[in-house]
Amino acid sequence: MLVLSQQGAGPLILPAFQAVADQAVGYDLPGVGHWIPEEATEEMLRRLTELFAR
């Protein structure tokens, strides 16, 4: 699971991962930067819970 910010190369990274890992998923969280767990704690926990529930 990739959790990316809209800034920088974030949007370009997921396709590269999907090329070698067909089940790779990524999420673009608006308004966050380098400190995603601190800046979007609840959203990060929600996404991780969904991933581990698979």
PDB file of N, CA and C in Angstrom:
ATOM      1  N   MET A   1       0.845  -1.160   0.000  1.00  0.00           N
ATOM      2  CA  MET A   1       0.000   0.000   0.000  1.00  0.00           C
ATOM      3  C   MET A   1       0.893   1.226   0.000  1.00  0.00           C
ATOM      4  N   LEU A   2       0.602   2.111  -0.909  1.00  0.00           N
ATOM      5  CA  LEU A   2       1.294   3.390  -0.976  1.00  0.00           C
ATOM      6  C   LEU A   2       0.333   4.477  -0.542  1.00  0.00           C
ATOM      7  N   VAL A   3       0.778   5.334   0.296  1.00  0.00           N
ATOM      8  CA  VAL A   3       0.001   6.504   0.677  1.00  0.00           C
ATOM      9  C   VAL A   3       0.835   7.697   0.260  1.00  0.00           C
ATOM     10  N   LEU A   4       0.288   8.489  -0.634  1.00  0.00           N
ATOM     11  CA  LEU A   4       1.052   9.548  -1.271  1.00  0.00           C
ATOM     12  C   LEU A   4       0.417  10.906  -1.060  1.00  0.00           C
ATOM     13  N   SER A   5       1.223  11.921  -1.164  1.00  0.00           N
ATOM     14  CA  SER A   5       0.677  13.274  -1.158  1.00  0.00           C
ATOM     15  C   SER A   5       0.520  13.718  -2.607  1.00  0.00           C
ATOM     16  N   GLN A   6      -0.285  14.728  -2.826  1.00  0.00           N
ATOM     17  CA  GLN A   6      -0.487  15.247  -4.174  1.00  0.00           C
ATOM     18  C   GLN A   6       0.731  16.022  -4.658  1.00  0.00           C
ATOM     19  N   GLN A   7       1.582  16.370  -3.746  1.00  0.00           N
ATOM     20  CA  GLN A   7       2.759  17.150  -4.092  1.00  0.00           C
ATOM     21  C   GLN A   7       3.874  16.229  -4.574  1.00  0.00           C
ATOM     22  N   GLY A   8       4.771  16.745  -5.344  1.00  0.00           N
ATOM     23  CA  GLY A   8       5.938  15.984  -5.777  1.00  0.00           C
ATOM     24  C   GLY A   8       5.599  14.881  -6.757  1.00  0.00           C
ATOM     25  N   ALA A   9       6.333  13.787  -6.673  1.00  0.00           N
ATOM     26  CA  ALA A   9       6.204  12.682  -7.623  1.00  0.00           C
ATOM     27  C   ALA A   9       5.147  11.664  -7.219  1.00  0.00           C
ATOM     28  N   GLY A  10       4.408  11.919  -6.168  1.00  0.00           N
ATOM     29  CA  GLY A  10       3.413  10.974  -5.678  1.00  0.00           C
ATOM     30  C   GLY A  10       2.553  10.335  -6.753  1.00  0.00           C
ATOM     31  N   PRO A  11       1.898  11.120  -7.614  1.00  0.00           N
ATOM     32  CA  PRO A  11       1.024  10.529  -8.630  1.00  0.00           C
ATOM     33  C   PRO A  11       1.747   9.647  -9.650  1.00  0.00           C
ATOM     34  N   LEU A  12       3.046   9.798  -9.794  1.00  0.00           N
ATOM     35  CA  LEU A  12       3.802   9.008 -10.768  1.00  0.00           C
ATOM     36  C   LEU A  12       4.286   7.675 -10.209  1.00  0.00           C
ATOM     37  N   ILE A  13       4.283   7.525  -8.908  1.00  0.00           N
ATOM     38  CA  ILE A  13       4.880   6.354  -8.277  1.00  0.00           C
ATOM     39  C   ILE A  13       3.989   5.114  -8.368  1.00  0.00           C
ATOM     40  N   LEU A  14       2.682   5.254  -8.188  1.00  0.00           N
ATOM     41  CA  LEU A  14       1.793   4.088  -8.174  1.00  0.00           C
ATOM     42  C   LEU A  14       1.884   3.268  -9.458  1.00  0.00           C
ATOM     43  N   PRO A  15       1.836   3.856 -10.649  1.00  0.00           N
ATOM     44  CA  PRO A  15       1.948   3.029 -11.857  1.00  0.00           C
ATOM     45  C   PRO A  15       3.243   2.212 -11.910  1.00  0.00           C
ATOM     46  N   ALA A  16       4.329   2.755 -11.401  1.00  0.00           N
ATOM     47  CA  ALA A  16       5.591   2.011 -11.378  1.00  0.00           C
ATOM     48  C   ALA A  16       5.478   0.794 -10.464  1.00  0.00           C
ATOM     49  N   PHE A  17       4.829   0.950  -9.321  1.00  0.00           N
ATOM     50  CA  PHE A  17       4.643  -0.181  -8.410  1.00  0.00           C
ATOM     51  C   PHE A  17       3.687  -1.207  -9.011  1.00  0.00           C
ATOM     52  N   GLN A  18       2.625  -0.744  -9.674  1.00  0.00           N
ATOM     53  CA  GLN A  18       1.655  -1.663 -10.260  1.00  0.00           C
ATOM     54  C   GLN A  18       2.257  -2.466 -11.407  1.00  0.00           C
ATOM     55  N   ALA A  19       3.301  -1.957 -12.029  1.00  0.00           N
ATOM     56  CA  ALA A  19       3.963  -2.685 -13.109  1.00  0.00           C
ATOM     57  C   ALA A  19       4.631  -3.959 -12.600  1.00  0.00           C
ATOM     58  N   VAL A  20       5.019  -3.982 -11.346  1.00  0.00           N
ATOM     59  CA  VAL A  20       5.690  -5.161 -10.789  1.00  0.00           C
ATOM     60  C   VAL A  20       4.873  -5.860  -9.701  1.00  0.00           C
ATOM     61  N   ALA A  21       3.826  -5.219  -9.231  1.00  0.00           N
ATOM     62  CA  ALA A  21       2.966  -5.799  -8.191  1.00  0.00           C
ATOM     63  C   ALA A  21       1.524  -5.483  -8.556  1.00  0.00           C
ATOM     64  N   ASP A  22       0.869  -6.424  -9.228  1.00  0.00           N
ATOM     65  CA  ASP A  22      -0.457  -6.141  -9.776  1.00  0.00           C
ATOM     66  C   ASP A  22      -1.524  -5.855  -8.726  1.00  0.00           C
ATOM     67  N   GLN A  23      -1.282  -6.172  -7.474  1.00  0.00           N
ATOM     68  CA  GLN A  23      -2.256  -5.876  -6.428  1.00  0.00           C
ATOM     69  C   GLN A  23      -1.896  -4.628  -5.629  1.00  0.00           C
ATOM     70  N   ALA A  24      -0.924  -3.884  -6.106  1.00  0.00           N
ATOM     71  CA  ALA A  24      -0.529  -2.656  -5.408  1.00  0.00           C
ATOM     72  C   ALA A  24      -1.686  -1.658  -5.444  1.00  0.00           C
ATOM     73  N   VAL A  25      -1.924  -1.024  -4.338  1.00  0.00           N
ATOM     74  CA  VAL A  25      -2.939   0.022  -4.257  1.00  0.00           C
ATOM     75  C   VAL A  25      -2.276   1.281  -3.723  1.00  0.00           C
ATOM     76  N   GLY A  26      -2.833   2.395  -4.110  1.00  0.00           N
ATOM     77  CA  GLY A  26      -2.287   3.657  -3.639  1.00  0.00           C
ATOM     78  C   GLY A  26      -3.397   4.642  -3.355  1.00  0.00           C
ATOM     79  N   TYR A  27      -3.123   5.542  -2.470  1.00  0.00           N
ATOM     80  CA  TYR A  27      -4.098   6.543  -2.075  1.00  0.00           C
ATOM     81  C   TYR A  27      -3.432   7.902  -2.078  1.00  0.00           C
ATOM     82  N   ASP A  28      -4.117   8.832  -2.656  1.00  0.00           N
ATOM     83  CA  ASP A  28      -3.650  10.209  -2.712  1.00  0.00           C
ATOM     84  C   ASP A  28      -4.416  10.980  -1.647  1.00  0.00           C
ATOM     85  N   LEU A  29      -3.729  11.416  -0.628  1.00  0.00           N
ATOM     86  CA  LEU A  29      -4.381  12.139   0.454  1.00  0.00           C
ATOM     87  C   LEU A  29      -4.113  13.630   0.291  1.00  0.00           C
ATOM     88  N   PRO A  30      -5.129  14.392  -0.056  1.00  0.00           N
ATOM     89  CA  PRO A  30      -4.939  15.827  -0.249  1.00  0.00           C
ATOM     90  C   PRO A  30      -4.600  16.538   1.054  1.00  0.00           C
ATOM     91  N   GLY A  31      -3.766  17.536   0.938  1.00  0.00           N
ATOM     92  CA  GLY A  31      -3.453  18.374   2.083  1.00  0.00           C
ATOM     93  C   GLY A  31      -2.379  17.839   3.005  1.00  0.00           C
ATOM     94  N   VAL A  32      -1.712  16.749   2.605  1.00  0.00           N
ATOM     95  CA  VAL A  32      -0.636  16.217   3.436  1.00  0.00           C
ATOM     96  C   VAL A  32       0.692  16.341   2.706  1.00  0.00           C
ATOM     97  N   GLY A  33       1.758  16.282   3.474  1.00  0.00           N
ATOM     98  CA  GLY A  33       3.094  16.376   2.903  1.00  0.00           C
ATOM     99  C   GLY A  33       3.920  15.166   3.277  1.00  0.00           C
ATOM    100  N   HIS A  34       5.068  15.392   3.859  1.00  0.00           N
ATOM    101  CA  HIS A  34       5.990  14.316   4.200  1.00  0.00           C
ATOM    102  C   HIS A  34       5.595  13.556   5.466  1.00  0.00           C
ATOM    103  N   TRP A  35       4.750  14.100   6.278  1.00  0.00           N
ATOM    104  CA  TRP A  35       4.409  13.500   7.578  1.00  0.00           C
ATOM    105  C   TRP A  35       2.981  12.959   7.560  1.00  0.00           C
ATOM    106  N   ILE A  36       2.709  12.058   6.654  1.00  0.00           N
ATOM    107  CA  ILE A  36       1.347  11.574   6.425  1.00  0.00           C
ATOM    108  C   ILE A  36       0.705  10.997   7.690  1.00  0.00           C
ATOM    109  N   PRO A  37       1.353  10.114   8.453  1.00  0.00           N
ATOM    110  CA  PRO A  37       0.690   9.578   9.653  1.00  0.00           C
ATOM    111  C   PRO A  37       0.315  10.650  10.669  1.00  0.00           C
ATOM    112  N   GLU A  38       1.125  11.686  10.775  1.00  0.00           N
ATOM    113  CA  GLU A  38       0.827  12.755  11.723  1.00  0.00           C
ATOM    114  C   GLU A  38      -0.218  13.728  11.181  1.00  0.00           C
ATOM    115  N   GLU A  39      -0.222  13.940   9.884  1.00  0.00           N
ATOM    116  CA  GLU A  39      -1.118  14.926   9.282  1.00  0.00           C
ATOM    117  C   GLU A  39      -2.494  14.360   8.946  1.00  0.00           C
ATOM    118  N   ALA A  40      -2.595  13.056   8.767  1.00  0.00           N
ATOM    119  CA  ALA A  40      -3.872  12.434   8.397  1.00  0.00           C
ATOM    120  C   ALA A  40      -4.029  11.107   9.143  1.00  0.00           C
ATOM    121  N   THR A  41      -3.933  11.171  10.447  1.00  0.00           N
ATOM    122  CA  THR A  41      -3.932   9.965  11.278  1.00  0.00           C
ATOM    123  C   THR A  41      -5.174   9.106  11.063  1.00  0.00           C
ATOM    124  N   GLU A  42      -6.341   9.693  11.149  1.00  0.00           N
ATOM    125  CA  GLU A  42      -7.587   8.919  11.035  1.00  0.00           C
ATOM    126  C   GLU A  42      -7.725   8.290   9.653  1.00  0.00           C
ATOM    127  N   GLU A  43      -7.407   9.040   8.616  1.00  0.00           N
ATOM    128  CA  GLU A  43      -7.503   8.507   7.254  1.00  0.00           C
ATOM    129  C   GLU A  43      -6.493   7.377   7.048  1.00  0.00           C
ATOM    130  N   MET A  44      -5.313   7.535   7.568  1.00  0.00           N
ATOM    131  CA  MET A  44      -4.282   6.504   7.473  1.00  0.00           C
ATOM    132  C   MET A  44      -4.731   5.226   8.185  1.00  0.00           C
ATOM    133  N   LEU A  45      -5.287   5.353   9.376  1.00  0.00           N
ATOM    134  CA  LEU A  45      -5.784   4.186  10.112  1.00  0.00           C
ATOM    135  C   LEU A  45      -6.924   3.502   9.367  1.00  0.00           C
ATOM    136  N   ARG A  46      -7.794   4.283   8.772  1.00  0.00           N
ATOM    137  CA  ARG A  46      -8.911   3.720   8.014  1.00  0.00           C
ATOM    138  C   ARG A  46      -8.401   2.906   6.827  1.00  0.00           C
ATOM    139  N   ARG A  47      -7.450   3.470   6.094  1.00  0.00           N
ATOM    140  CA  ARG A  47      -6.894   2.775   4.926  1.00  0.00           C
ATOM    141  C   ARG A  47      -6.144   1.504   5.338  1.00  0.00           C
ATOM    142  N   LEU A  48      -5.382   1.566   6.419  1.00  0.00           N
ATOM    143  CA  LEU A  48      -4.666   0.379   6.894  1.00  0.00           C
ATOM    144  C   LEU A  48      -5.631  -0.708   7.351  1.00  0.00           C
ATOM    145  N   THR A  49      -6.697  -0.319   8.039  1.00  0.00           N
ATOM    146  CA  THR A  49      -7.702  -1.282   8.482  1.00  0.00           C
ATOM    147  C   THR A  49      -8.337  -1.975   7.285  1.00  0.00           C
ATOM    148  N   GLU A  50      -8.654  -1.219   6.237  1.00  0.00           N
ATOM    149  CA  GLU A  50      -9.215  -1.806   5.020  1.00  0.00           C
ATOM    150  C   GLU A  50      -8.237  -2.790   4.387  1.00  0.00           C
ATOM    151  N   LEU A  51      -6.969  -2.419   4.347  1.00  0.00           N
ATOM    152  CA  LEU A  51      -5.954  -3.287   3.747  1.00  0.00           C
ATOM    153  C   LEU A  51      -5.823  -4.594   4.524  1.00  0.00           C
ATOM    154  N   PHE A  52      -5.727  -4.509   5.845  1.00  0.00           N
ATOM    155  CA  PHE A  52      -5.539  -5.703   6.659  1.00  0.00           C
ATOM    156  C   PHE A  52      -6.791  -6.574   6.711  1.00  0.00           C
ATOM    157  N   ALA A  53      -7.944  -6.011   6.395  1.00  0.00           N
ATOM    158  CA  ALA A  53      -9.192  -6.779   6.398  1.00  0.00           C
ATOM    159  C   ALA A  53      -9.351  -7.637   5.140  1.00  0.00           C
ATOM    160  N   ARG A  54      -8.515  -7.426   4.156  1.00  0.00           N
ATOM    161  CA  ARG A  54      -8.627  -8.205   2.903  1.00  0.00           C
ATOM    162  C   ARG A  54      -8.296  -9.654   3.120  1.00  0.00           C
TER     163      ARG A  54
END
